[in-house]
């Protein structure tokens, strides 16, 4: 499964897409906000360095 995921990410990056993570933060009063963040650089290299 990991190699399939890496292949999909690699395809997306090669076609000009950017990898982002959608995070939801919930405040104590119940309000929620969603934030797009970029993954840490090490996570991307770990994912893409896996053998296919």
Protein backbone atom coordinates (compact mmCIF):
# COMPACT_ATOMS: atom_id res chain seq x y z
CA UNK A 1 0.00 0.00 0.00
CA UNK A 2 2.82 2.39 0.85
CA UNK A 3 4.37 2.09 -2.62
CA UNK A 4 0.96 2.76 -4.21
CA UNK A 5 0.60 5.89 -2.11
CA UNK A 6 4.12 7.02 -3.02
CA UNK A 7 3.39 6.47 -6.71
CA UNK A 8 0.22 8.57 -6.47
CA UNK A 9 2.04 11.38 -4.67
CA UNK A 10 4.86 11.27 -7.21
CA UNK A 11 2.35 11.42 -10.10
CA UNK A 12 0.64 14.42 -8.54
CA UNK A 13 3.88 16.26 -7.92
CA UNK A 14 5.07 15.58 -11.47
CA UNK A 15 1.84 17.05 -12.83
CA UNK A 16 2.29 20.26 -10.84
CA UNK A 17 0.05 19.54 -7.84
CA UNK A 18 1.05 20.47 -4.31
CA UNK A 19 0.63 18.12 -1.33
CA UNK A 20 -1.31 19.66 1.55
CA UNK A 21 -2.87 18.38 4.77
CA UNK A 22 -6.27 19.55 5.97
CA UNK A 23 -6.27 20.01 9.75
CA UNK A 24 -9.30 20.76 11.88
CA UNK A 25 -8.83 22.66 15.13
CA UNK A 26 -11.64 22.66 17.66
CA UNK A 27 -11.83 25.36 20.31
CA UNK A 28 -13.15 24.70 23.82
CA UNK A 29 -16.39 26.54 22.98
CA UNK A 30 -17.08 24.10 20.12
CA UNK A 31 -16.08 26.29 17.18
CA UNK A 32 -13.96 24.58 14.52
CA UNK A 33 -11.63 25.93 11.88
CA UNK A 34 -9.95 24.07 9.06
CA UNK A 35 -6.40 24.89 8.03
CA UNK A 36 -4.40 23.70 5.03
CA UNK A 37 -0.76 23.00 5.88
CA UNK A 38 2.21 21.64 4.00
CA UNK A 39 3.72 18.44 5.41
CA UNK A 40 7.18 18.68 6.93
CA UNK A 41 9.89 18.23 4.27
CA UNK A 42 11.19 15.03 5.90
CA UNK A 43 7.79 13.37 5.60
CA UNK A 44 7.70 13.92 1.85
CA UNK A 45 11.20 12.56 1.31
CA UNK A 46 10.44 9.53 3.51
CA UNK A 47 7.34 8.80 1.46
CA UNK A 48 8.98 9.28 -1.93
CA UNK A 49 12.16 7.37 -1.07
CA UNK A 50 10.26 4.13 -0.50
CA UNK A 51 10.92 1.44 -3.09
CA UNK A 52 8.12 0.84 -5.56
